N, C-alpha and C. Protein backbone atom coordinates (compact mmCIF):
# COMPACT_ATOMS: atom_id res chain seq x y z
N MET A 1 5.74 204.97 49.23
CA MET A 1 6.78 206.16 49.06
C MET A 1 8.16 205.44 49.43
N ALA A 2 9.05 206.33 48.47
CA ALA A 2 10.55 205.29 48.83
C ALA A 2 11.35 206.49 49.53
N LYS A 3 12.02 205.71 50.28
CA LYS A 3 13.55 206.55 50.79
C LYS A 3 14.02 207.44 50.31
N GLY A 4 13.75 208.63 50.81
CA GLY A 4 14.85 209.58 50.13
C GLY A 4 13.70 210.60 49.95
N ASP A 5 12.38 210.16 49.52
CA ASP A 5 11.34 211.40 49.29
C ASP A 5 11.62 212.51 49.81
N VAL A 6 11.06 213.89 49.32
CA VAL A 6 11.01 214.80 49.89
C VAL A 6 9.36 215.43 50.55
N HIS A 7 9.19 215.32 51.80
CA HIS A 7 8.01 215.76 52.24
C HIS A 7 7.86 217.69 52.78
N THR A 8 7.27 218.06 52.26
CA THR A 8 6.98 219.19 52.59
C THR A 8 5.94 219.37 53.74
N VAL A 9 5.99 219.69 55.29
CA VAL A 9 4.90 219.37 56.15
C VAL A 9 5.22 220.66 56.94
N PRO A 10 3.83 221.03 57.09
CA PRO A 10 3.70 221.97 58.76
C PRO A 10 4.66 221.52 59.81
N HIS A 11 5.23 222.95 60.31
CA HIS A 11 6.36 222.44 61.34
C HIS A 11 6.15 223.63 62.12
N GLY A 12 5.35 223.81 63.44
CA GLY A 12 5.19 224.53 64.26
C GLY A 12 4.37 225.76 64.06
N ASP A 13 5.08 226.76 63.70
CA ASP A 13 4.14 228.14 63.16
C ASP A 13 4.80 228.33 62.00
N GLY A 14 5.30 227.25 61.32
CA GLY A 14 5.76 227.67 59.68
C GLY A 14 5.73 225.90 59.13
N TRP A 15 6.75 226.08 57.99
CA TRP A 15 6.50 224.74 57.27
C TRP A 15 8.02 224.31 57.27
N ALA A 16 8.41 222.85 56.99
CA ALA A 16 9.67 222.32 56.64
C ALA A 16 9.54 221.08 55.41
N ASN A 17 10.75 220.78 55.48
CA ASN A 17 11.11 219.86 54.40
C ASN A 17 11.73 218.80 55.28
N LYS A 18 11.09 217.44 55.32
CA LYS A 18 11.67 216.09 55.79
C LYS A 18 11.89 214.94 54.67
N VAL A 19 13.36 214.44 54.71
CA VAL A 19 13.70 213.26 53.63
C VAL A 19 13.35 212.23 54.08
N GLU A 20 12.32 211.58 53.43
CA GLU A 20 12.15 210.28 54.26
C GLU A 20 13.03 209.39 54.62
N GLY A 21 13.66 209.10 55.77
CA GLY A 21 14.64 207.96 56.48
C GLY A 21 15.47 208.74 57.40
N ASN A 22 14.91 210.27 56.84
CA ASN A 22 16.08 211.25 58.43
C ASN A 22 15.22 211.43 59.40
N GLU A 23 15.51 211.24 60.59
CA GLU A 23 14.62 211.75 61.61
C GLU A 23 14.92 213.18 61.80
N ARG A 24 15.46 214.12 61.13
CA ARG A 24 15.60 215.53 61.31
C ARG A 24 15.16 216.48 59.96
N VAL A 25 14.21 217.00 60.04
CA VAL A 25 13.99 217.86 59.20
C VAL A 25 15.44 218.65 58.21
N SER A 26 15.25 218.87 57.27
CA SER A 26 16.18 219.18 56.28
C SER A 26 16.47 220.79 56.33
N ASN A 27 15.03 221.67 56.42
CA ASN A 27 15.31 222.77 56.02
C ASN A 27 13.99 223.17 56.68
N THR A 28 13.87 224.67 57.26
CA THR A 28 12.47 225.21 57.75
C THR A 28 12.18 226.50 57.19
N ALA A 29 10.98 226.83 56.70
CA ALA A 29 10.41 228.39 55.93
C ALA A 29 9.38 228.66 57.11
N GLU A 30 9.29 230.00 56.61
CA GLU A 30 8.02 230.70 57.18
C GLU A 30 6.62 230.30 56.69
N THR A 31 6.94 230.29 55.22
CA THR A 31 5.77 230.06 54.69
C THR A 31 5.73 228.74 53.88
N LYS A 32 4.64 228.25 53.40
CA LYS A 32 4.46 227.27 52.54
C LYS A 32 4.77 227.14 51.28
N ALA A 33 5.03 228.17 50.35
CA ALA A 33 5.42 228.29 49.41
C ALA A 33 7.18 228.29 49.33
N GLU A 34 7.78 228.97 50.28
CA GLU A 34 9.10 229.04 50.56
C GLU A 34 9.50 227.67 50.59
N ALA A 35 8.71 226.72 51.44
CA ALA A 35 8.99 225.15 51.64
C ALA A 35 9.08 224.35 50.81
N GLN A 36 7.63 224.82 50.06
CA GLN A 36 7.84 223.91 48.43
C GLN A 36 8.73 224.36 47.56
N THR A 37 9.37 225.85 47.73
CA THR A 37 10.08 226.00 46.53
C THR A 37 11.57 224.85 46.94
N LYS A 38 11.62 225.39 48.28
CA LYS A 38 13.06 224.50 48.72
C LYS A 38 12.80 222.98 48.68
N GLY A 39 11.57 222.17 49.00
CA GLY A 39 11.84 221.00 48.59
C GLY A 39 11.63 220.77 47.30
N ARG A 40 10.93 221.34 46.30
CA ARG A 40 11.21 220.97 44.86
C ARG A 40 12.86 220.88 44.77
N ASP A 41 13.34 221.63 44.89
CA ASP A 41 14.82 222.21 44.47
C ASP A 41 15.08 220.36 44.87
N MET A 42 15.24 220.32 46.44
CA MET A 42 16.01 219.07 47.34
C MET A 42 15.22 217.74 45.83
N ALA A 43 13.84 217.58 45.76
CA ALA A 43 13.73 216.27 45.05
C ALA A 43 14.31 216.45 43.65
N GLN A 44 14.51 217.50 43.11
CA GLN A 44 15.02 217.75 41.59
C GLN A 44 16.31 217.28 41.59
N LYS A 45 16.93 217.94 42.48
CA LYS A 45 18.40 217.29 42.71
C LYS A 45 18.86 216.13 43.13
N ASN A 46 17.91 215.50 43.64
CA ASN A 46 17.78 213.71 43.90
C ASN A 46 17.37 212.60 43.05
N GLY A 47 16.33 213.37 42.20
CA GLY A 47 15.46 212.67 41.54
C GLY A 47 14.61 212.00 42.63
N THR A 48 13.73 212.45 43.16
CA THR A 48 12.62 211.52 43.69
C THR A 48 11.28 212.12 44.16
N GLU A 49 10.45 211.74 44.62
CA GLU A 49 9.12 212.18 44.83
C GLU A 49 9.12 213.57 45.64
N HIS A 50 8.06 214.56 45.39
CA HIS A 50 8.00 215.70 46.17
C HIS A 50 6.59 215.56 46.78
N LEU A 51 6.31 215.33 48.05
CA LEU A 51 4.85 215.06 48.17
C LEU A 51 4.58 216.38 49.54
N ILE A 52 3.72 217.35 48.96
CA ILE A 52 3.46 218.46 49.81
C ILE A 52 1.94 218.47 50.56
N HIS A 53 2.22 218.53 51.57
CA HIS A 53 1.07 218.18 52.76
C HIS A 53 0.14 219.80 53.12
N LYS A 54 -0.82 219.00 53.40
CA LYS A 54 -1.80 220.19 53.90
C LYS A 54 -1.75 220.75 55.43
N LYS A 55 -2.14 221.93 55.43
CA LYS A 55 -1.57 221.87 57.13
C LYS A 55 -2.39 220.72 58.02
N ASP A 56 -3.27 220.17 57.32
CA ASP A 56 -4.06 219.33 58.72
C ASP A 56 -3.18 217.99 58.31
N GLY A 57 -2.08 217.64 57.49
CA GLY A 57 -1.50 216.59 57.68
C GLY A 57 -1.58 215.76 56.43
N THR A 58 -2.52 215.64 55.55
CA THR A 58 -2.74 214.93 54.74
C THR A 58 -1.89 215.61 53.32
N ILE A 59 -2.08 214.44 52.35
CA ILE A 59 -1.25 214.68 51.23
C ILE A 59 -1.84 215.84 50.50
N GLY A 60 -1.88 216.71 49.99
CA GLY A 60 -2.31 217.68 48.80
C GLY A 60 -1.80 217.55 47.61
N GLU A 61 -0.73 217.28 47.56
CA GLU A 61 -0.10 217.07 45.99
C GLU A 61 1.26 216.48 46.03
N ARG A 62 1.91 215.53 45.00
CA ARG A 62 2.60 214.87 44.51
C ARG A 62 3.43 215.27 43.49
N ASN A 63 4.54 215.30 43.18
CA ASN A 63 5.27 215.53 41.65
C ASN A 63 6.71 214.42 41.79
N THR A 64 6.77 213.84 40.83
CA THR A 64 8.12 212.80 40.86
C THR A 64 9.00 213.30 39.55
N TYR A 65 9.92 213.59 40.47
CA TYR A 65 11.18 214.03 39.82
C TYR A 65 12.44 212.63 39.24
N PRO A 66 12.14 212.15 37.83
CA PRO A 66 13.23 211.02 37.78
C PRO A 66 14.27 211.56 37.56
N ARG A 67 15.53 210.75 37.95
CA ARG A 67 17.02 211.21 37.71
C ARG A 67 17.31 211.17 36.78
N GLY A 68 17.86 212.27 35.99
CA GLY A 68 18.64 212.26 34.71
C GLY A 68 17.38 212.33 33.91
N ARG A 69 16.54 212.68 33.85
CA ARG A 69 15.46 212.93 32.93
C ARG A 69 14.53 214.40 33.01
N ASP A 70 14.29 215.17 32.21
CA ASP A 70 13.64 216.32 32.60
C ASP A 70 12.42 215.94 31.95
N PRO A 71 10.88 215.92 32.48
CA PRO A 71 9.65 215.51 32.04
C PRO A 71 9.11 216.49 31.69
N ARG A 72 9.62 217.42 31.56
CA ARG A 72 9.35 218.38 30.30
C ARG A 72 9.47 218.05 28.95
N GLN A 73 10.27 217.60 28.62
CA GLN A 73 10.78 217.28 27.38
C GLN A 73 10.30 215.95 27.03
N SER A 74 9.58 215.54 27.76
CA SER A 74 8.74 214.16 27.34
C SER A 74 7.66 214.45 26.31
N LYS A 75 7.19 213.30 25.69
CA LYS A 75 6.21 214.11 24.76
C LYS A 75 4.89 213.39 25.56
N GLY A 76 3.72 213.79 25.22
CA GLY A 76 2.39 213.33 25.83
C GLY A 76 2.01 214.84 26.62
């Protein structure tokens, strides 16, 4: 995992997004869905990976957003 990757993680009674390498969370949300949306937007903007954790803390999903290239436009 590279510095700057965005992790959507359980946080207290809700969820938060934490950028790898930062000490503090970037933002919080009441629901996982809301936190995922914020985290995805952050990762897309920064061209990094978005790792979505499960309630138990394990990684459930990961998505990569390369800088300057829209993966939906690639063939395959």
